[in-house]
Amino acid sequence: MARREEQPEWQDPASGYVRRNVSPPGVPQPMQIVEVHFPPRGRVTFDTGGRDIRVHQQVWVLEGAIDITLGAERHRLRKGDCLAMQLDRPTMFHNPTRRPARYAVVIAAEPSSRR
């Protein structure tokens, strides 16, 4: 169990987005739930690539709109939209609007067959 007041938050100093780990810590499961508050015009880039584990992610927009770029693919998500992806290439999240966005992320990891 992870009560709201016990869920750790972290704010990215560059973009100002706030990430809250919703999932209970220390649970031996391959998934994690995160809530993100993304400020207007915010942008954050992750340089994801080859790993020893495969990481899958689903992003569900709860309020506002965001753009997600996966390598050369760009996706515009609006309230209610959900995007499933594998984190195997550079990824960028961008809030192109003048309003904050809020979205949930479900992250699941599995061992990679790459060696």
PDB file of N, CA and C in Angstrom:
ATOM      1  N   MET A   1       0.858  -1.179   0.000  1.00  0.00           N
ATOM      2  CA  MET A   1       0.000   0.000   0.000  1.00  0.00           C
ATOM      3  C   MET A   1       0.900   1.237   0.000  1.00  0.00           C
ATOM      4  N   ALA A   2       0.534   2.209  -0.788  1.00  0.00           N
ATOM      5  CA  ALA A   2       1.256   3.487  -0.821  1.00  0.00           C
ATOM      6  C   ALA A   2       0.226   4.598  -0.664  1.00  0.00           C
ATOM      7  N   ARG A   3       0.145   5.169   0.501  1.00  0.00           N
ATOM      8  CA  ARG A   3      -0.781   6.277   0.746  1.00  0.00           C
ATOM      9  C   ARG A   3      -0.280   7.528   0.024  1.00  0.00           C
ATOM     10  N   ARG A   4      -1.195   8.349  -0.426  1.00  0.00           N
ATOM     11  CA  ARG A   4      -0.862   9.549  -1.202  1.00  0.00           C
ATOM     12  C   ARG A   4       0.224  10.382  -0.540  1.00  0.00           C
ATOM     13  N   GLU A   5       0.107  10.599   0.746  1.00  0.00           N
ATOM     14  CA  GLU A   5       1.081  11.454   1.449  1.00  0.00           C
ATOM     15  C   GLU A   5       2.460  10.801   1.578  1.00  0.00           C
ATOM     16  N   GLU A   6       2.565   9.501   1.291  1.00  0.00           N
ATOM     17  CA  GLU A   6       3.843   8.795   1.378  1.00  0.00           C
ATOM     18  C   GLU A   6       4.496   8.596   0.006  1.00  0.00           C
ATOM     19  N   GLN A   7       3.821   8.960  -1.056  1.00  0.00           N
ATOM     20  CA  GLN A   7       4.346   8.734  -2.398  1.00  0.00           C
ATOM     21  C   GLN A   7       5.384   9.807  -2.732  1.00  0.00           C
ATOM     22  N   PRO A   8       6.609   9.382  -3.051  1.00  0.00           N
ATOM     23  CA  PRO A   8       7.670  10.352  -3.320  1.00  0.00           C
ATOM     24  C   PRO A   8       7.447  11.136  -4.609  1.00  0.00           C
ATOM     25  N   GLU A   9       7.765  12.427  -4.557  1.00  0.00           N
ATOM     26  CA  GLU A   9       7.696  13.301  -5.728  1.00  0.00           C
ATOM     27  C   GLU A   9       9.086  13.826  -6.032  1.00  0.00           C
ATOM     28  N   TRP A  10       9.312  14.115  -7.301  1.00  0.00           N
ATOM     29  CA  TRP A  10      10.573  14.685  -7.745  1.00  0.00           C
ATOM     30  C   TRP A  10      10.273  15.720  -8.811  1.00  0.00           C
ATOM     31  N   GLN A  11      10.920  16.873  -8.743  1.00  0.00           N
ATOM     32  CA  GLN A  11      10.723  17.914  -9.754  1.00  0.00           C
ATOM     33  C   GLN A  11      11.981  18.056 -10.579  1.00  0.00           C
ATOM     34  N   ASP A  12      11.813  17.981 -11.905  1.00  0.00           N
ATOM     35  CA  ASP A  12      12.927  18.164 -12.823  1.00  0.00           C
ATOM     36  C   ASP A  12      13.313  19.639 -12.825  1.00  0.00           C
ATOM     37  N   PRO A  13      14.554  19.958 -12.471  1.00  0.00           N
ATOM     38  CA  PRO A  13      14.939  21.374 -12.401  1.00  0.00           C
ATOM     39  C   PRO A  13      14.922  22.091 -13.751  1.00  0.00           C
ATOM     40  N   ALA A  14      15.140  21.367 -14.844  1.00  0.00           N
ATOM     41  CA  ALA A  14      15.189  22.009 -16.166  1.00  0.00           C
ATOM     42  C   ALA A  14      13.795  22.300 -16.714  1.00  0.00           C
ATOM     43  N   SER A  15      12.895  21.300 -16.685  1.00  0.00           N
ATOM     44  CA  SER A  15      11.579  21.473 -17.304  1.00  0.00           C
ATOM     45  C   SER A  15      10.509  21.894 -16.315  1.00  0.00           C
ATOM     46  N   GLY A  16      10.719  21.620 -15.025  1.00  0.00           N
ATOM     47  CA  GLY A  16       9.728  21.940 -14.013  1.00  0.00           C
ATOM     48  C   GLY A  16       8.649  20.890 -13.837  1.00  0.00           C
ATOM     49  N   TYR A  17       8.751  19.767 -14.595  1.00  0.00           N
ATOM     50  CA  TYR A  17       7.706  18.765 -14.429  1.00  0.00           C
ATOM     51  C   TYR A  17       7.863  18.064 -13.086  1.00  0.00           C
ATOM     52  N   VAL A  18       6.732  17.636 -12.526  1.00  0.00           N
ATOM     53  CA  VAL A  18       6.726  16.951 -11.238  1.00  0.00           C
ATOM     54  C   VAL A  18       6.286  15.517 -11.464  1.00  0.00           C
ATOM     55  N   ARG A  19       7.113  14.590 -11.013  1.00  0.00           N
ATOM     56  CA  ARG A  19       6.869  13.157 -11.169  1.00  0.00           C
ATOM     57  C   ARG A  19       6.590  12.563  -9.791  1.00  0.00           C
ATOM     58  N   ARG A  20       5.456  11.852  -9.676  1.00  0.00           N
ATOM     59  CA  ARG A  20       5.092  11.214  -8.407  1.00  0.00           C
ATOM     60  C   ARG A  20       5.025   9.715  -8.613  1.00  0.00           C
ATOM     61  N   ASN A  21       5.796   8.963  -7.820  1.00  0.00           N
ATOM     62  CA  ASN A  21       5.765   7.507  -7.877  1.00  0.00           C
ATOM     63  C   ASN A  21       4.562   7.026  -7.080  1.00  0.00           C
ATOM     64  N   VAL A  22       3.544   6.552  -7.796  1.00  0.00           N
ATOM     65  CA  VAL A  22       2.284   6.128  -7.192  1.00  0.00           C
ATOM     66  C   VAL A  22       2.392   4.716  -6.615  1.00  0.00           C
ATOM     67  N   SER A  23       3.141   3.846  -7.264  1.00  0.00           N
ATOM     68  CA  SER A  23       3.241   2.443  -6.857  1.00  0.00           C
ATOM     69  C   SER A  23       3.919   2.294  -5.505  1.00  0.00           C
ATOM     70  N   PRO A  24       3.483   1.303  -4.726  1.00  0.00           N
ATOM     71  CA  PRO A  24       4.152   1.036  -3.448  1.00  0.00           C
ATOM     72  C   PRO A  24       5.609   0.634  -3.681  1.00  0.00           C
ATOM     73  N   PRO A  25       6.533   1.128  -2.864  1.00  0.00           N
ATOM     74  CA  PRO A  25       7.943   0.767  -3.036  1.00  0.00           C
ATOM     75  C   PRO A  25       8.213  -0.665  -2.567  1.00  0.00           C
ATOM     76  N   GLY A  26       9.214  -1.289  -3.162  1.00  0.00           N
ATOM     77  CA  GLY A  26       9.661  -2.603  -2.719  1.00  0.00           C
ATOM     78  C   GLY A  26       8.754  -3.763  -3.066  1.00  0.00           C
ATOM     79  N   VAL A  27       7.802  -3.558  -3.970  1.00  0.00           N
ATOM     80  CA  VAL A  27       6.908  -4.642  -4.368  1.00  0.00           C
ATOM     81  C   VAL A  27       7.567  -5.404  -5.520  1.00  0.00           C
ATOM     82  N   PRO A  28       7.705  -6.721  -5.397  1.00  0.00           N
ATOM     83  CA  PRO A  28       8.383  -7.488  -6.449  1.00  0.00           C
ATOM     84  C   PRO A  28       7.473  -7.740  -7.663  1.00  0.00           C
ATOM     85  N   GLN A  29       7.163  -6.676  -8.393  1.00  0.00           N
ATOM     86  CA  GLN A  29       6.357  -6.764  -9.603  1.00  0.00           C
ATOM     87  C   GLN A  29       7.093  -6.048 -10.724  1.00  0.00           C
ATOM     88  N   PRO A  30       6.856  -6.447 -11.967  1.00  0.00           N
ATOM     89  CA  PRO A  30       7.583  -5.837 -13.086  1.00  0.00           C
ATOM     90  C   PRO A  30       6.978  -4.521 -13.571  1.00  0.00           C
ATOM     91  N   MET A  31       6.044  -3.920 -12.808  1.00  0.00           N
ATOM     92  CA  MET A  31       5.414  -2.690 -13.276  1.00  0.00           C
ATOM     93  C   MET A  31       5.467  -1.599 -12.216  1.00  0.00           C
ATOM     94  N   GLN A  32       5.304  -0.371 -12.689  1.00  0.00           N
ATOM     95  CA  GLN A  32       5.323   0.812 -11.822  1.00  0.00           C
ATOM     96  C   GLN A  32       4.353   1.825 -12.408  1.00  0.00           C
ATOM     97  N   ILE A  33       3.659   2.571 -11.540  1.00  0.00           N
ATOM     98  CA  ILE A  33       2.749   3.629 -11.984  1.00  0.00           C
ATOM     99  C   ILE A  33       3.317   4.966 -11.519  1.00  0.00           C
ATOM    100  N   VAL A  34       3.315   5.929 -12.424  1.00  0.00           N
ATOM    101  CA  VAL A  34       3.843   7.262 -12.155  1.00  0.00           C
ATOM    102  C   VAL A  34       2.812   8.279 -12.633  1.00  0.00           C
ATOM    103  N   GLU A  35       2.657   9.374 -11.887  1.00  0.00           N
ATOM    104  CA  GLU A  35       1.823  10.493 -12.333  1.00  0.00           C
ATOM    105  C   GLU A  35       2.745  11.674 -12.589  1.00  0.00           C
ATOM    106  N   VAL A  36       2.509  12.376 -13.698  1.00  0.00           N
ATOM    107  CA  VAL A  36       3.350  13.514 -14.064  1.00  0.00           C
ATOM    108  C   VAL A  36       2.485  14.750 -14.256  1.00  0.00           C
ATOM    109  N   HIS A  37       2.896  15.857 -13.640  1.00  0.00           N
ATOM    110  CA  HIS A  37       2.320  17.183 -13.892  1.00  0.00           C
ATOM    111  C   HIS A  37       3.350  17.911 -14.747  1.00  0.00           C
ATOM    112  N   PHE A  38       2.924  18.279 -15.951  1.00  0.00           N
ATOM    113  CA  PHE A  38       3.849  18.846 -16.937  1.00  0.00           C
ATOM    114  C   PHE A  38       3.466  20.294 -17.205  1.00  0.00           C
ATOM    115  N   PRO A  39       4.360  21.241 -16.923  1.00  0.00           N
ATOM    116  CA  PRO A  39       4.022  22.655 -17.090  1.00  0.00           C
ATOM    117  C   PRO A  39       3.887  23.050 -18.561  1.00  0.00           C
ATOM    118  N   PRO A  40       3.191  24.165 -18.812  1.00  0.00           N
ATOM    119  CA  PRO A  40       3.064  24.664 -20.181  1.00  0.00           C
ATOM    120  C   PRO A  40       4.439  24.866 -20.819  1.00  0.00           C
ATOM    121  N   ARG A  41       4.534  24.500 -22.074  1.00  0.00           N
ATOM    122  CA  ARG A  41       5.758  24.655 -22.880  1.00  0.00           C
ATOM    123  C   ARG A  41       6.938  23.818 -22.365  1.00  0.00           C
ATOM    124  N   GLY A  42       6.682  22.937 -21.397  1.00  0.00           N
ATOM    125  CA  GLY A  42       7.742  22.085 -20.857  1.00  0.00           C
ATOM    126  C   GLY A  42       8.235  21.074 -21.874  1.00  0.00           C
ATOM    127  N   ARG A  43       9.504  20.688 -21.721  1.00  0.00           N
ATOM    128  CA  ARG A  43      10.120  19.715 -22.627  1.00  0.00           C
ATOM    129  C   ARG A  43      11.165  18.928 -21.843  1.00  0.00           C
ATOM    130  N   VAL A  44      11.153  17.608 -22.013  1.00  0.00           N
ATOM    131  CA  VAL A  44      12.165  16.767 -21.378  1.00  0.00           C
ATOM    132  C   VAL A  44      12.537  15.650 -22.349  1.00  0.00           C
ATOM    133  N   THR A  45      13.834  15.345 -22.415  1.00  0.00           N
ATOM    134  CA  THR A  45      14.357  14.354 -23.346  1.00  0.00           C
ATOM    135  C   THR A  45      15.054  13.247 -22.572  1.00  0.00           C
ATOM    136  N   PHE A  46      14.809  12.005 -22.999  1.00  0.00           N
ATOM    137  CA  PHE A  46      15.465  10.841 -22.410  1.00  0.00           C
ATOM    138  C   PHE A  46      16.252  10.145 -23.518  1.00  0.00           C
ATOM    139  N   ASP A  47      17.520   9.896 -23.268  1.00  0.00           N
ATOM    140  CA  ASP A  47      18.382   9.256 -24.252  1.00  0.00           C
ATOM    141  C   ASP A  47      18.374   7.755 -23.988  1.00  0.00           C
ATOM    142  N   THR A  48      17.264   7.091 -24.342  1.00  0.00           N
ATOM    143  CA  THR A  48      17.135   5.661 -24.083  1.00  0.00           C
ATOM    144  C   THR A  48      17.709   4.880 -25.250  1.00  0.00           C
ATOM    145  N   GLY A  49      18.246   3.720 -24.958  1.00  0.00           N
ATOM    146  CA  GLY A  49      18.833   2.893 -26.008  1.00  0.00           C
ATOM    147  C   GLY A  49      18.973   1.468 -25.520  1.00  0.00           C
ATOM    148  N   GLY A  50      20.052   0.799 -25.944  1.00  0.00           N
ATOM    149  CA  GLY A  50      20.274  -0.595 -25.583  1.00  0.00           C
ATOM    150  C   GLY A  50      20.357  -0.796 -24.073  1.00  0.00           C
ATOM    151  N   ARG A  51      19.641  -1.796 -23.587  1.00  0.00           N
ATOM    152  CA  ARG A  51      19.609  -2.107 -22.156  1.00  0.00           C
ATOM    153  C   ARG A  51      19.634  -3.616 -21.972  1.00  0.00           C
ATOM    154  N   ASP A  52      19.876  -4.037 -20.731  1.00  0.00           N
ATOM    155  CA  ASP A  52      19.806  -5.456 -20.394  1.00  0.00           C
ATOM    156  C   ASP A  52      18.370  -5.903 -20.149  1.00  0.00           C
ATOM    157  N   ILE A  53      17.450  -4.948 -20.012  1.00  0.00           N
ATOM    158  CA  ILE A  53      16.039  -5.258 -19.839  1.00  0.00           C
ATOM    159  C   ILE A  53      15.237  -4.501 -20.886  1.00  0.00           C
ATOM    160  N   ARG A  54      14.094  -5.047 -21.237  1.00  0.00           N
ATOM    161  CA  ARG A  54      13.174  -4.351 -22.127  1.00  0.00           C
ATOM    162  C   ARG A  54      12.216  -3.540 -21.261  1.00  0.00           C
ATOM    163  N   VAL A  55      12.040  -2.277 -21.579  1.00  0.00           N
ATOM    164  CA  VAL A  55      11.142  -1.421 -20.812  1.00  0.00           C
ATOM    165  C   VAL A  55       9.986  -0.999 -21.711  1.00  0.00           C
ATOM    166  N   HIS A  56       8.775  -1.314 -21.267  1.00  0.00           N
ATOM    167  CA  HIS A  56       7.559  -0.933 -21.970  1.00  0.00           C
ATOM    168  C   HIS A  56       6.873   0.146 -21.153  1.00  0.00           C
ATOM    169  N   GLN A  57       6.225   1.050 -21.848  1.00  0.00           N
ATOM    170  CA  GLN A  57       5.581   2.173 -21.166  1.00  0.00           C
ATOM    171  C   GLN A  57       4.273   2.499 -21.868  1.00  0.00           C
ATOM    172  N   GLN A  58       3.250   2.809 -21.066  1.00  0.00           N
ATOM    173  CA  GLN A  58       2.002   3.330 -21.612  1.00  0.00           C
ATOM    174  C   GLN A  58       1.759   4.675 -20.961  1.00  0.00           C
ATOM    175  N   VAL A  59       1.453   5.674 -21.781  1.00  0.00           N
ATOM    176  CA  VAL A  59       1.201   7.036 -21.311  1.00  0.00           C
ATOM    177  C   VAL A  59      -0.264   7.342 -21.565  1.00  0.00           C
ATOM    178  N   TRP A  60      -0.976   7.705 -20.499  1.00  0.00           N
ATOM    179  CA  TRP A  60      -2.409   8.005 -20.563  1.00  0.00           C
ATOM    180  C   TRP A  60      -2.599   9.449 -20.133  1.00  0.00           C
ATOM    181  N   VAL A  61      -3.060  10.303 -21.027  1.00  0.00           N
ATOM    182  CA  VAL A  61      -3.228  11.725 -20.735  1.00  0.00           C
ATOM    183  C   VAL A  61      -4.537  11.938 -19.974  1.00  0.00           C
ATOM    184  N   LEU A  62      -4.425  12.527 -18.787  1.00  0.00           N
ATOM    185  CA  LEU A  62      -5.578  12.778 -17.925  1.00  0.00           C
ATOM    186  C   LEU A  62      -6.112  14.197 -18.089  1.00  0.00           C
ATOM    187  N   GLU A  63      -5.222  15.148 -18.368  1.00  0.00           N
ATOM    188  CA  GLU A  63      -5.609  16.552 -18.596  1.00  0.00           C
ATOM    189  C   GLU A  63      -4.622  17.175 -19.573  1.00  0.00           C
ATOM    190  N   GLY A  64      -5.117  18.006 -20.468  1.00  0.00           N
ATOM    191  CA  GLY A  64      -4.249  18.740 -21.380  1.00  0.00           C
ATOM    192  C   GLY A  64      -3.846  17.931 -22.597  1.00  0.00           C
ATOM    193  N   ALA A  65      -2.665  18.260 -23.143  1.00  0.00           N
ATOM    194  CA  ALA A  65      -2.144  17.603 -24.340  1.00  0.00           C
ATOM    195  C   ALA A  65      -0.629  17.561 -24.253  1.00  0.00           C
ATOM    196  N   ILE A  66      -0.048  16.524 -24.830  1.00  0.00           N
ATOM    197  CA  ILE A  66       1.406  16.418 -24.905  1.00  0.00           C
ATOM    198  C   ILE A  66       1.803  15.835 -26.249  1.00  0.00           C
ATOM    199  N   ASP A  67       3.020  16.142 -26.665  1.00  0.00           N
ATOM    200  CA  ASP A  67       3.632  15.518 -27.831  1.00  0.00           C
ATOM    201  C   ASP A  67       4.698  14.561 -27.313  1.00  0.00           C
ATOM    202  N   ILE A  68       4.730  13.354 -27.879  1.00  0.00           N
ATOM    203  CA  ILE A  68       5.772  12.386 -27.548  1.00  0.00           C
ATOM    204  C   ILE A  68       6.488  12.041 -28.840  1.00  0.00           C
ATOM    205  N   THR A  69       7.807  12.167 -28.825  1.00  0.00           N
ATOM    206  CA  THR A  69       8.620  11.816 -29.975  1.00  0.00           C
ATOM    207  C   THR A  69       9.457  10.597 -29.605  1.00  0.00           C
ATOM    208  N   LEU A  70       9.335   9.540 -30.406  1.00  0.00           N
ATOM    209  CA  LEU A  70      10.098   8.298 -30.232  1.00  0.00           C
ATOM    210  C   LEU A  70      10.989   8.152 -31.446  1.00  0.00           C
ATOM    211  N   GLY A  71      12.265   8.421 -31.294  1.00  0.00           N
ATOM    212  CA  GLY A  71      13.137   8.412 -32.466  1.00  0.00           C
ATOM    213  C   GLY A  71      12.621   9.435 -33.460  1.00  0.00           C
ATOM    214  N   ALA A  72      12.182   8.982 -34.652  1.00  0.00           N
ATOM    215  CA  ALA A  72      11.667   9.893 -35.677  1.00  0.00           C
ATOM    216  C   ALA A  72      10.136   9.992 -35.683  1.00  0.00           C
ATOM    217  N   GLU A  73       9.452   9.201 -34.828  1.00  0.00           N
ATOM    218  CA  GLU A  73       7.987   9.221 -34.780  1.00  0.00           C
ATOM    219  C   GLU A  73       7.497  10.271 -33.791  1.00  0.00           C
ATOM    220  N   ARG A  74       6.475  11.039 -34.192  1.00  0.00           N
ATOM    221  CA  ARG A  74       5.878  12.036 -33.291  1.00  0.00           C
ATOM    222  C   ARG A  74       4.404  11.714 -33.100  1.00  0.00           C
ATOM    223  N   HIS A  75       3.958  11.768 -31.852  1.00  0.00           N
ATOM    224  CA  HIS A  75       2.568  11.482 -31.516  1.00  0.00           C
ATOM    225  C   HIS A  75       2.008  12.638 -30.699  1.00  0.00           C
ATOM    226  N   ARG A  76       0.838  13.151 -31.077  1.00  0.00           N
ATOM    227  CA  ARG A  76       0.128  14.174 -30.301  1.00  0.00           C
ATOM    228  C   ARG A  76      -0.941  13.454 -29.496  1.00  0.00           C
ATOM    229  N   LEU A  77      -0.895  13.564 -28.180  1.00  0.00           N
ATOM    230  CA  LEU A  77      -1.885  12.949 -27.313  1.00  0.00           C
ATOM    231  C   LEU A  77      -2.691  14.033 -26.627  1.00  0.00           C
ATOM    232  N   ARG A  78      -4.000  13.826 -26.588  1.00  0.00           N
ATOM    233  CA  ARG A  78      -4.917  14.734 -25.905  1.00  0.00           C
ATOM    234  C   ARG A  78      -5.612  13.978 -24.782  1.00  0.00           C
ATOM    235  N   LYS A  79      -6.371  14.682 -23.984  1.00  0.00           N
ATOM    236  CA  LYS A  79      -7.064  14.084 -22.848  1.00  0.00           C
ATOM    237  C   LYS A  79      -7.769  12.788 -23.260  1.00  0.00           C
ATOM    238  N   GLY A  80      -7.489  11.718 -22.506  1.00  0.00           N
ATOM    239  CA  GLY A  80      -8.095  10.422 -22.761  1.00  0.00           C
ATOM    240  C   GLY A  80      -7.285   9.512 -23.661  1.00  0.00           C
ATOM    241  N   ASP A  81      -6.322  10.065 -24.427  1.00  0.00           N
ATOM    242  CA  ASP A  81      -5.499   9.254 -25.327  1.00  0.00           C
ATOM    243  C   ASP A  81      -4.463   8.462 -24.539  1.00  0.00           C
ATOM    244  N   CYS A  82      -4.099   7.293 -25.080  1.00  0.00           N
ATOM    245  CA  CYS A  82      -3.093   6.434 -24.453  1.00  0.00           C
ATOM    246  C   CYS A  82      -2.150   5.917 -25.534  1.00  0.00           C
ATOM    247  N   LEU A  83      -0.851   6.004 -25.290  1.00  0.00           N
ATOM    248  CA  LEU A  83       0.170   5.535 -26.227  1.00  0.00           C
ATOM    249  C   LEU A  83       0.993   4.446 -25.556  1.00  0.00           C
ATOM    250  N   ALA A  84       1.124   3.284 -26.208  1.00  0.00           N
ATOM    251  CA  ALA A  84       1.987   2.201 -25.742  1.00  0.00           C
ATOM    252  C   ALA A  84       3.275   2.247 -26.548  1.00  0.00           C
ATOM    253  N   MET A  85       4.405   2.078 -25.860  1.00  0.00           N
ATOM    254  CA  MET A  85       5.682   2.150 -26.555  1.00  0.00           C
ATOM    255  C   MET A  85       6.734   1.337 -25.812  1.00  0.00           C
ATOM    256  N   GLN A  86       7.797   1.023 -26.525  1.00  0.00           N
ATOM    257  CA  GLN A  86       8.968   0.397 -25.914  1.00  0.00           C
ATOM    258  C   GLN A  86      10.054   1.458 -25.855  1.00  0.00           C
ATOM    259  N   LEU A  87      10.736   1.539 -24.732  1.00  0.00           N
ATOM    260  CA  LEU A  87      11.796   2.541 -24.578  1.00  0.00           C
ATOM    261  C   LEU A  87      13.101   1.976 -25.123  1.00  0.00           C
ATOM    262  N   ASP A  88      13.270   2.107 -26.441  1.00  0.00           N
ATOM    263  CA  ASP A  88      14.460   1.562 -27.093  1.00  0.00           C
ATOM    264  C   ASP A  88      15.117   2.571 -28.042  1.00  0.00           C
ATOM    265  N   ARG A  89      14.701   3.828 -27.939  1.00  0.00           N
ATOM    266  CA  ARG A  89      15.282   4.899 -28.763  1.00  0.00           C
ATOM    267  C   ARG A  89      15.088   6.220 -28.028  1.00  0.00           C
ATOM    268  N   PRO A  90      15.748   7.275 -28.460  1.00  0.00           N
ATOM    269  CA  PRO A  90      15.575   8.568 -27.781  1.00  0.00           C
ATOM    270  C   PRO A  90      14.106   8.972 -27.738  1.00  0.00           C
ATOM    271  N   THR A  91      13.696   9.502 -26.599  1.00  0.00           N
ATOM    272  CA  THR A  91      12.297   9.854 -26.368  1.00  0.00           C
ATOM    273  C   THR A  91      12.209  11.274 -25.839  1.00  0.00           C
ATOM    274  N   MET A  92      11.257  12.064 -26.374  1.00  0.00           N
ATOM    275  CA  MET A  92      11.055  13.423 -25.896  1.00  0.00           C
ATOM    276  C   MET A  92       9.579  13.633 -25.572  1.00  0.00           C
ATOM    277  N   PHE A  93       9.330  14.246 -24.422  1.00  0.00           N
ATOM    278  CA  PHE A  93       7.988  14.655 -24.019  1.00  0.00           C
ATOM    279  C   PHE A  93       7.945  16.175 -24.097  1.00  0.00           C
ATOM    280  N   HIS A  94       6.859  16.719 -24.671  1.00  0.00           N
ATOM    281  CA  HIS A  94       6.750  18.163 -24.823  1.00  0.00           C
ATOM    282  C   HIS A  94       5.295  18.575 -24.625  1.00  0.00           C
ATOM    283  N   ASN A  95       5.085  19.595 -23.817  1.00  0.00           N
ATOM    284  CA  ASN A  95       3.753  20.182 -23.677  1.00  0.00           C
ATOM    285  C   ASN A  95       3.750  21.450 -24.525  1.00  0.00           C
ATOM    286  N   PRO A  96       3.168  21.403 -25.736  1.00  0.00           N
ATOM    287  CA  PRO A  96       3.228  22.549 -26.637  1.00  0.00           C
ATOM    288  C   PRO A  96       2.198  23.633 -26.330  1.00  0.00           C
ATOM    289  N   THR A  97       1.391  23.422 -25.306  1.00  0.00           N
ATOM    290  CA  THR A  97       0.281  24.331 -25.036  1.00  0.00           C
ATOM    291  C   THR A  97       0.613  25.336 -23.934  1.00  0.00           C
ATOM    292  N   ARG A  98      -0.329  26.243 -23.688  1.00  0.00           N
ATOM    293  CA  ARG A  98      -0.195  27.236 -22.624  1.00  0.00           C
ATOM    294  C   ARG A  98      -0.827  26.771 -21.321  1.00  0.00           C
ATOM    295  N   ARG A  99      -1.262  25.518 -21.287  1.00  0.00           N
ATOM    296  CA  ARG A  99      -1.906  24.963 -20.089  1.00  0.00           C
ATOM    297  C   ARG A  99      -1.098  23.779 -19.579  1.00  0.00           C
ATOM    298  N   PRO A 100      -1.139  23.535 -18.282  1.00  0.00           N
ATOM    299  CA  PRO A 100      -0.450  22.355 -17.765  1.00  0.00           C
ATOM    300  C   PRO A 100      -1.105  21.074 -18.278  1.00  0.00           C
ATOM    301  N   ALA A 101      -0.333  20.019 -18.314  1.00  0.00           N
ATOM    302  CA  ALA A 101      -0.840  18.698 -18.671  1.00  0.00           C
ATOM    303  C   ALA A 101      -0.593  17.763 -17.487  1.00  0.00           C
ATOM    304  N   ARG A 102      -1.434  16.744 -17.391  1.00  0.00           N
ATOM    305  CA  ARG A 102      -1.257  15.732 -16.356  1.00  0.00           C
ATOM    306  C   ARG A 102      -1.469  14.383 -17.022  1.00  0.00           C
ATOM    307  N   TYR A 103      -0.533  13.465 -16.778  1.00  0.00           N
ATOM    308  CA  TYR A 103      -0.671  12.149 -17.381  1.00  0.00           C
ATOM    309  C   TYR A 103      -0.143  11.069 -16.449  1.00  0.00           C
ATOM    310  N   ALA A 104      -0.640   9.851 -16.664  1.00  0.00           N
ATOM    311  CA  ALA A 104      -0.196   8.686 -15.913  1.00  0.00           C
ATOM    312  C   ALA A 104       0.684   7.841 -16.829  1.00  0.00           C
ATOM    313  N   VAL A 105       1.709   7.249 -16.231  1.00  0.00           N
ATOM    314  CA  VAL A 105       2.610   6.379 -16.967  1.00  0.00           C
ATOM    315  C   VAL A 105       2.648   5.031 -16.254  1.00  0.00           C
ATOM    316  N   VAL A 106       2.448   3.960 -17.002  1.00  0.00           N
ATOM    317  CA  VAL A 106       2.621   2.611 -16.478  1.00  0.00           C
ATOM    318  C   VAL A 106       3.866   2.055 -17.148  1.00  0.00           C
ATOM    319  N   ILE A 107       4.828   1.654 -16.336  1.00  0.00           N
ATOM    320  CA  ILE A 107       6.122   1.169 -16.820  1.00  0.00           C
ATOM    321  C   ILE A 107       6.241  -0.308 -16.439  1.00  0.00           C
ATOM    322  N   ALA A 108       6.610  -1.145 -17.398  1.00  0.00           N
ATOM    323  CA  ALA A 108       6.834  -2.560 -17.139  1.00  0.00           C
ATOM    324  C   ALA A 108       8.179  -2.962 -17.727  1.00  0.00           C
ATOM    325  N   ALA A 109       8.903  -3.788 -17.006  1.00  0.00           N
ATOM    326  CA  ALA A 109      10.223  -4.234 -17.453  1.00  0.00           C
ATOM    327  C   ALA A 109      10.244  -5.745 -17.547  1.00  0.00           C
ATOM    328  N   GLU A 110      10.995  -6.238 -18.533  1.00  0.00           N
ATOM    329  CA  GLU A 110      11.194  -7.678 -18.685  1.00  0.00           C
ATOM    330  C   GLU A 110      12.624  -7.915 -19.157  1.00  0.00           C
ATOM    331  N   PRO A 111      13.202  -9.057 -18.823  1.00  0.00           N
ATOM    332  CA  PRO A 111      14.568  -9.326 -19.275  1.00  0.00           C
ATOM    333  C   PRO A 111      14.649  -9.277 -20.796  1.00  0.00           C
ATOM    334  N   SER A 112      15.730  -8.723 -21.300  1.00  0.00           N
ATOM    335  CA  SER A 112      15.936  -8.631 -22.743  1.00  0.00           C
ATOM    336  C   SER A 112      16.575  -9.915 -23.250  1.00  0.00           C
ATOM    337  N   SER A 113      16.289 -10.271 -24.487  1.00  0.00           N
ATOM    338  CA  SER A 113      16.939 -11.445 -25.098  1.00  0.00           C
ATOM    339  C   SER A 113      18.292 -11.067 -25.678  1.00  0.00           C
ATOM    340  N   ARG A 114      18.616  -9.748 -25.674  1.00  0.00           N
ATOM    341  CA  ARG A 114      19.916  -9.271 -26.182  1.00  0.00           C
ATOM    342  C   ARG A 114      21.007  -9.608 -25.193  1.00  0.00           C
ATOM    343  N   ARG A 115      22.100 -10.035 -25.658  1.00  0.00           N
ATOM    344  CA  ARG A 115      23.247 -10.302 -24.793  1.00  0.00           C
ATOM    345  C   ARG A 115      24.505  -9.831 -25.455  1.00  0.00           C
TER     346      ARG A 115
END
